[in-house]
Amino acid sequence: MNKNTSESRAFSISQFCSAYGFSRAAFYNLAKAGKAPATLNIGRRRLITKAAAEAWEKAMTSASA
């Protein structure tokens, strides 16, 4: 995947947190509670696909409703 493309298919943990407006610590707290989006491990990198982020957002929205 080319980093220079305008539309990436996955977020790094930092990019995901920035996009959703919370800290990495908050992400890891969600992960510890089993409420973080699914991640994809590629080598040492841990990524969150756009599809996983959207599914997580939908689940979190419906859980708070």
PDB file of N, CA and C in Angstrom:
ATOM      1  N   MET A   1       0.851  -1.178   0.000  1.00  0.00           N
ATOM      2  CA  MET A   1       0.000   0.000   0.000  1.00  0.00           C
ATOM      3  C   MET A   1       0.895   1.239   0.000  1.00  0.00           C
ATOM      4  N   ASN A   2       0.597   2.145  -0.831  1.00  0.00           N
ATOM      5  CA  ASN A   2       1.378   3.359  -0.968  1.00  0.00           C
ATOM      6  C   ASN A   2       0.907   4.402   0.044  1.00  0.00           C
ATOM      7  N   LYS A   3       1.831   4.921   0.848  1.00  0.00           N
ATOM      8  CA  LYS A   3       1.473   5.921   1.857  1.00  0.00           C
ATOM      9  C   LYS A   3       1.050   7.248   1.240  1.00  0.00           C
ATOM     10  N   ASN A   4       1.387   7.457  -0.016  1.00  0.00           N
ATOM     11  CA  ASN A   4       1.072   8.728  -0.661  1.00  0.00           C
ATOM     12  C   ASN A   4      -0.334   8.773  -1.246  1.00  0.00           C
ATOM     13  N   THR A   5      -1.053   7.674  -1.236  1.00  0.00           N
ATOM     14  CA  THR A   5      -2.410   7.699  -1.762  1.00  0.00           C
ATOM     15  C   THR A   5      -3.307   8.481  -0.821  1.00  0.00           C
ATOM     16  N   SER A   6      -4.293   9.148  -1.387  1.00  0.00           N
ATOM     17  CA  SER A   6      -5.162   9.992  -0.567  1.00  0.00           C
ATOM     18  C   SER A   6      -6.154   9.174   0.244  1.00  0.00           C
ATOM     19  N   GLU A   7      -6.489   7.972  -0.217  1.00  0.00           N
ATOM     20  CA  GLU A   7      -7.469   7.144   0.495  1.00  0.00           C
ATOM     21  C   GLU A   7      -6.827   5.817   0.856  1.00  0.00           C
ATOM     22  N   SER A   8      -6.441   5.690   2.094  1.00  0.00           N
ATOM     23  CA  SER A   8      -5.848   4.462   2.582  1.00  0.00           C
ATOM     24  C   SER A   8      -6.947   3.489   2.983  1.00  0.00           C
ATOM     25  N   ARG A   9      -6.643   2.204   2.965  1.00  0.00           N
ATOM     26  CA  ARG A   9      -7.637   1.194   3.320  1.00  0.00           C
ATOM     27  C   ARG A   9      -7.540   0.782   4.776  1.00  0.00           C
ATOM     28  N   ALA A  10      -6.549   1.330   5.500  1.00  0.00           N
ATOM     29  CA  ALA A  10      -6.392   0.963   6.907  1.00  0.00           C
ATOM     30  C   ALA A  10      -5.787   2.124   7.693  1.00  0.00           C
ATOM     31  N   PHE A  11      -6.074   2.132   8.981  1.00  0.00           N
ATOM     32  CA  PHE A  11      -5.529   3.114   9.917  1.00  0.00           C
ATOM     33  C   PHE A  11      -4.434   2.460  10.756  1.00  0.00           C
ATOM     34  N   SER A  12      -3.430   3.223  11.113  1.00  0.00           N
ATOM     35  CA  SER A  12      -2.565   2.809  12.217  1.00  0.00           C
ATOM     36  C   SER A  12      -3.363   3.110  13.491  1.00  0.00           C
ATOM     37  N   ILE A  13      -2.896   2.640  14.620  1.00  0.00           N
ATOM     38  CA  ILE A  13      -3.587   2.935  15.884  1.00  0.00           C
ATOM     39  C   ILE A  13      -3.644   4.458  16.089  1.00  0.00           C
ATOM     40  N   SER A  14      -2.536   5.135  15.846  1.00  0.00           N
ATOM     41  CA  SER A  14      -2.495   6.594  16.022  1.00  0.00           C
ATOM     42  C   SER A  14      -3.460   7.306  15.082  1.00  0.00           C
ATOM     43  N   GLN A  15      -3.508   6.872  13.819  1.00  0.00           N
ATOM     44  CA  GLN A  15      -4.418   7.490  12.855  1.00  0.00           C
ATOM     45  C   GLN A  15      -5.872   7.253  13.251  1.00  0.00           C
ATOM     46  N   PHE A  16      -6.178   6.043  13.702  1.00  0.00           N
ATOM     47  CA  PHE A  16      -7.532   5.726  14.143  1.00  0.00           C
ATOM     48  C   PHE A  16      -7.931   6.622  15.308  1.00  0.00           C
ATOM     49  N   CYS A  17      -7.058   6.734  16.298  1.00  0.00           N
ATOM     50  CA  CYS A  17      -7.349   7.568  17.469  1.00  0.00           C
ATOM     51  C   CYS A  17      -7.549   9.021  17.072  1.00  0.00           C
ATOM     52  N   SER A  18      -6.707   9.509  16.183  1.00  0.00           N
ATOM     53  CA  SER A  18      -6.833  10.885  15.721  1.00  0.00           C
ATOM     54  C   SER A  18      -8.150  11.089  14.972  1.00  0.00           C
ATOM     55  N   ALA A  19      -8.513  10.144  14.123  1.00  0.00           N
ATOM     56  CA  ALA A  19      -9.749  10.255  13.349  1.00  0.00           C
ATOM     57  C   ALA A  19     -10.984  10.268  14.248  1.00  0.00           C
ATOM     58  N   TYR A  20     -10.932   9.511  15.350  1.00  0.00           N
ATOM     59  CA  TYR A  20     -12.094   9.415  16.234  1.00  0.00           C
ATOM     60  C   TYR A  20     -11.969  10.299  17.476  1.00  0.00           C
ATOM     61  N   GLY A  21     -10.879  11.027  17.604  1.00  0.00           N
ATOM     62  CA  GLY A  21     -10.752  12.041  18.646  1.00  0.00           C
ATOM     63  C   GLY A  21     -10.489  11.537  20.051  1.00  0.00           C
ATOM     64  N   PHE A  22      -9.718  10.452  20.187  1.00  0.00           N
ATOM     65  CA  PHE A  22      -9.329  10.032  21.526  1.00  0.00           C
ATOM     66  C   PHE A  22      -7.876   9.569  21.535  1.00  0.00           C
ATOM     67  N   SER A  23      -7.352   9.359  22.724  1.00  0.00           N
ATOM     68  CA  SER A  23      -5.934   9.051  22.883  1.00  0.00           C
ATOM     69  C   SER A  23      -5.641   7.573  22.654  1.00  0.00           C
ATOM     70  N   ARG A  24      -4.355   7.285  22.445  1.00  0.00           N
ATOM     71  CA  ARG A  24      -3.919   5.886  22.326  1.00  0.00           C
ATOM     72  C   ARG A  24      -4.221   5.137  23.624  1.00  0.00           C
ATOM     73  N   ALA A  25      -4.066   5.805  24.759  1.00  0.00           N
ATOM     74  CA  ALA A  25      -4.369   5.168  26.049  1.00  0.00           C
ATOM     75  C   ALA A  25      -5.839   4.764  26.103  1.00  0.00           C
ATOM     76  N   ALA A  26      -6.710   5.629  25.606  1.00  0.00           N
ATOM     77  CA  ALA A  26      -8.141   5.296  25.571  1.00  0.00           C
ATOM     78  C   ALA A  26      -8.389   4.104  24.657  1.00  0.00           C
ATOM     79  N   PHE A  27      -7.666   4.035  23.534  1.00  0.00           N
ATOM     80  CA  PHE A  27      -7.794   2.885  22.635  1.00  0.00           C
ATOM     81  C   PHE A  27      -7.418   1.602  23.360  1.00  0.00           C
ATOM     82  N   TYR A  28      -6.289   1.618  24.057  1.00  0.00           N
ATOM     83  CA  TYR A  28      -5.841   0.407  24.745  1.00  0.00           C
ATOM     84  C   TYR A  28      -6.769   0.044  25.906  1.00  0.00           C
ATOM     85  N   ASN A  29      -7.404   1.042  26.526  1.00  0.00           N
ATOM     86  CA  ASN A  29      -8.425   0.751  27.547  1.00  0.00           C
ATOM     87  C   ASN A  29      -9.635   0.072  26.906  1.00  0.00           C
ATOM     88  N   LEU A  30     -10.037   0.545  25.721  1.00  0.00           N
ATOM     89  CA  LEU A  30     -11.125  -0.111  24.993  1.00  0.00           C
ATOM     90  C   LEU A  30     -10.739  -1.547  24.635  1.00  0.00           C
ATOM     91  N   ALA A  31      -9.506  -1.725  24.176  1.00  0.00           N
ATOM     92  CA  ALA A  31      -9.037  -3.065  23.807  1.00  0.00           C
ATOM     93  C   ALA A  31      -9.049  -4.001  25.011  1.00  0.00           C
ATOM     94  N   LYS A  32      -8.604  -3.496  26.143  1.00  0.00           N
ATOM     95  CA  LYS A  32      -8.585  -4.300  27.367  1.00  0.00           C
ATOM     96  C   LYS A  32      -9.994  -4.714  27.775  1.00  0.00           C
ATOM     97  N   ALA A  33     -10.969  -3.835  27.525  1.00  0.00           N
ATOM     98  CA  ALA A  33     -12.369  -4.122  27.856  1.00  0.00           C
ATOM     99  C   ALA A  33     -13.068  -4.928  26.765  1.00  0.00           C
ATOM    100  N   GLY A  34     -12.351  -5.239  25.668  1.00  0.00           N
ATOM    101  CA  GLY A  34     -12.946  -5.995  24.572  1.00  0.00           C
ATOM    102  C   GLY A  34     -13.859  -5.169  23.692  1.00  0.00           C
ATOM    103  N   LYS A  35     -13.681  -3.844  23.689  1.00  0.00           N
ATOM    104  CA  LYS A  35     -14.568  -2.951  22.946  1.00  0.00           C
ATOM    105  C   LYS A  35     -13.867  -2.188  21.828  1.00  0.00           C
ATOM    106  N   ALA A  36     -12.638  -2.560  21.511  1.00  0.00           N
ATOM    107  CA  ALA A  36     -11.895  -1.903  20.435  1.00  0.00           C
ATOM    108  C   ALA A  36     -12.211  -2.597  19.115  1.00  0.00           C
ATOM    109  N   PRO A  37     -11.978  -1.916  18.004  1.00  0.00           N
ATOM    110  CA  PRO A  37     -12.192  -2.570  16.711  1.00  0.00           C
ATOM    111  C   PRO A  37     -11.170  -3.684  16.489  1.00  0.00           C
ATOM    112  N   ALA A  38     -11.524  -4.595  15.600  1.00  0.00           N
ATOM    113  CA  ALA A  38     -10.602  -5.673  15.246  1.00  0.00           C
ATOM    114  C   ALA A  38      -9.357  -5.089  14.587  1.00  0.00           C
ATOM    115  N   THR A  39      -8.215  -5.681  14.880  1.00  0.00           N
ATOM    116  CA  THR A  39      -6.964  -5.212  14.290  1.00  0.00           C
ATOM    117  C   THR A  39      -6.370  -6.284  13.392  1.00  0.00           C
ATOM    118  N   LEU A  40      -5.528  -5.844  12.502  1.00  0.00           N
ATOM    119  CA  LEU A  40      -4.836  -6.687  11.550  1.00  0.00           C
ATOM    120  C   LEU A  40      -3.351  -6.525  11.824  1.00  0.00           C
ATOM    121  N   ASN A  41      -2.671  -7.603  12.168  1.00  0.00           N
ATOM    122  CA  ASN A  41      -1.245  -7.538  12.449  1.00  0.00           C
ATOM    123  C   ASN A  41      -0.457  -7.915  11.205  1.00  0.00           C
ATOM    124  N   ILE A  42       0.386  -6.999  10.774  1.00  0.00           N
ATOM    125  CA  ILE A  42       1.262  -7.233   9.626  1.00  0.00           C
ATOM    126  C   ILE A  42       2.680  -6.946  10.098  1.00  0.00           C
ATOM    127  N   GLY A  43       3.422  -8.017  10.327  1.00  0.00           N
ATOM    128  CA  GLY A  43       4.747  -7.850  10.905  1.00  0.00           C
ATOM    129  C   GLY A  43       4.616  -7.239  12.280  1.00  0.00           C
ATOM    130  N   ARG A  44       5.301  -6.145  12.499  1.00  0.00           N
ATOM    131  CA  ARG A  44       5.227  -5.450  13.782  1.00  0.00           C
ATOM    132  C   ARG A  44       4.144  -4.389  13.797  1.00  0.00           C
ATOM    133  N   ARG A  45       3.511  -4.155  12.645  1.00  0.00           N
ATOM    134  CA  ARG A  45       2.466  -3.128  12.562  1.00  0.00           C
ATOM    135  C   ARG A  45       1.120  -3.706  12.945  1.00  0.00           C
ATOM    136  N   ARG A  46       0.320  -2.897  13.590  1.00  0.00           N
ATOM    137  CA  ARG A  46      -1.048  -3.258  13.971  1.00  0.00           C
ATOM    138  C   ARG A  46      -1.963  -2.243  13.309  1.00  0.00           C
ATOM    139  N   LEU A  47      -2.810  -2.722  12.410  1.00  0.00           N
ATOM    140  CA  LEU A  47      -3.662  -1.840  11.626  1.00  0.00           C
ATOM    141  C   LEU A  47      -5.142  -2.119  11.895  1.00  0.00           C
ATOM    142  N   ILE A  48      -5.955  -1.123  11.631  1.00  0.00           N
ATOM    143  CA  ILE A  48      -7.404  -1.245  11.723  1.00  0.00           C
ATOM    144  C   ILE A  48      -7.941  -0.917  10.335  1.00  0.00           C
ATOM    145  N   THR A  49      -8.587  -1.885   9.701  1.00  0.00           N
ATOM    146  CA  THR A  49      -9.121  -1.629   8.369  1.00  0.00           C
ATOM    147  C   THR A  49     -10.277  -0.642   8.462  1.00  0.00           C
ATOM    148  N   LYS A  50     -10.550   0.022   7.359  1.00  0.00           N
ATOM    149  CA  LYS A  50     -11.689   0.956   7.328  1.00  0.00           C
ATOM    150  C   LYS A  50     -12.981   0.210   7.628  1.00  0.00           C
ATOM    151  N   ALA A  51     -13.111  -1.015   7.114  1.00  0.00           N
ATOM    152  CA  ALA A  51     -14.317  -1.803   7.369  1.00  0.00           C
ATOM    153  C   ALA A  51     -14.459  -2.114   8.856  1.00  0.00           C
ATOM    154  N   ALA A  52     -13.360  -2.452   9.527  1.00  0.00           N
ATOM    155  CA  ALA A  52     -13.405  -2.732  10.964  1.00  0.00           C
ATOM    156  C   ALA A  52     -13.754  -1.470  11.747  1.00  0.00           C
ATOM    157  N   ALA A  53     -13.209  -0.334  11.325  1.00  0.00           N
ATOM    158  CA  ALA A  53     -13.520   0.941  11.993  1.00  0.00           C
ATOM    159  C   ALA A  53     -14.994   1.280  11.844  1.00  0.00           C
ATOM    160  N   GLU A  54     -15.544   1.068  10.646  1.00  0.00           N
ATOM    161  CA  GLU A  54     -16.957   1.359  10.421  1.00  0.00           C
ATOM    162  C   GLU A  54     -17.850   0.416  11.218  1.00  0.00           C
ATOM    163  N   ALA A  55     -17.482  -0.859  11.288  1.00  0.00           N
ATOM    164  CA  ALA A  55     -18.261  -1.828  12.077  1.00  0.00           C
ATOM    165  C   ALA A  55     -18.212  -1.468  13.559  1.00  0.00           C
ATOM    166  N   TRP A  56     -17.038  -1.064  14.041  1.00  0.00           N
ATOM    167  CA  TRP A  56     -16.878  -0.654  15.437  1.00  0.00           C
ATOM    168  C   TRP A  56     -17.738   0.578  15.727  1.00  0.00           C
ATOM    169  N   GLU A  57     -17.684   1.557  14.818  1.00  0.00           N
ATOM    170  CA  GLU A  57     -18.465   2.785  15.004  1.00  0.00           C
ATOM    171  C   GLU A  57     -19.966   2.454  15.071  1.00  0.00           C
ATOM    172  N   LYS A  58     -20.423   1.590  14.187  1.00  0.00           N
ATOM    173  CA  LYS A  58     -21.833   1.200  14.180  1.00  0.00           C
ATOM    174  C   LYS A  58     -22.203   0.487  15.489  1.00  0.00           C
ATOM    175  N   ALA A  59     -21.353  -0.423  15.942  1.00  0.00           N
ATOM    176  CA  ALA A  59     -21.617  -1.160  17.190  1.00  0.00           C
ATOM    177  C   ALA A  59     -21.624  -0.212  18.388  1.00  0.00           C
ATOM    178  N   MET A  60     -20.680   0.726  18.423  1.00  0.00           N
ATOM    179  CA  MET A  60     -20.616   1.660  19.552  1.00  0.00           C
ATOM    180  C   MET A  60     -21.803   2.622  19.531  1.00  0.00           C
ATOM    181  N   THR A  61     -22.239   3.015  18.358  1.00  0.00           N
ATOM    182  CA  THR A  61     -23.386   3.918  18.238  1.00  0.00           C
ATOM    183  C   THR A  61     -24.662   3.223  18.684  1.00  0.00           C
ATOM    184  N   SER A  62     -24.857   1.973  18.251  1.00  0.00           N
ATOM    185  CA  SER A  62     -26.069   1.261  18.633  1.00  0.00           C
ATOM    186  C   SER A  62     -26.045   0.868  20.107  1.00  0.00           C
ATOM    187  N   ALA A  63     -24.862   0.660  20.682  1.00  0.00           N
ATOM    188  CA  ALA A  63     -24.756   0.312  22.098  1.00  0.00           C
ATOM    189  C   ALA A  63     -25.125   1.496  22.990  1.00  0.00           C
ATOM    190  N   SER A  64     -24.881   2.715  22.510  1.00  0.00           N
ATOM    191  CA  SER A  64     -25.171   3.897  23.325  1.00  0.00           C
ATOM    192  C   SER A  64     -26.597   4.412  23.110  1.00  0.00           C
ATOM    193  N   ALA A  65     -27.298   3.843  22.152  1.00  0.00           N
ATOM    194  CA  ALA A  65     -28.652   4.316  21.860  1.00  0.00           C
ATOM    195  C   ALA A  65     -29.688   3.687  22.768  1.00  0.00           C
TER     196      ALA A  65
END
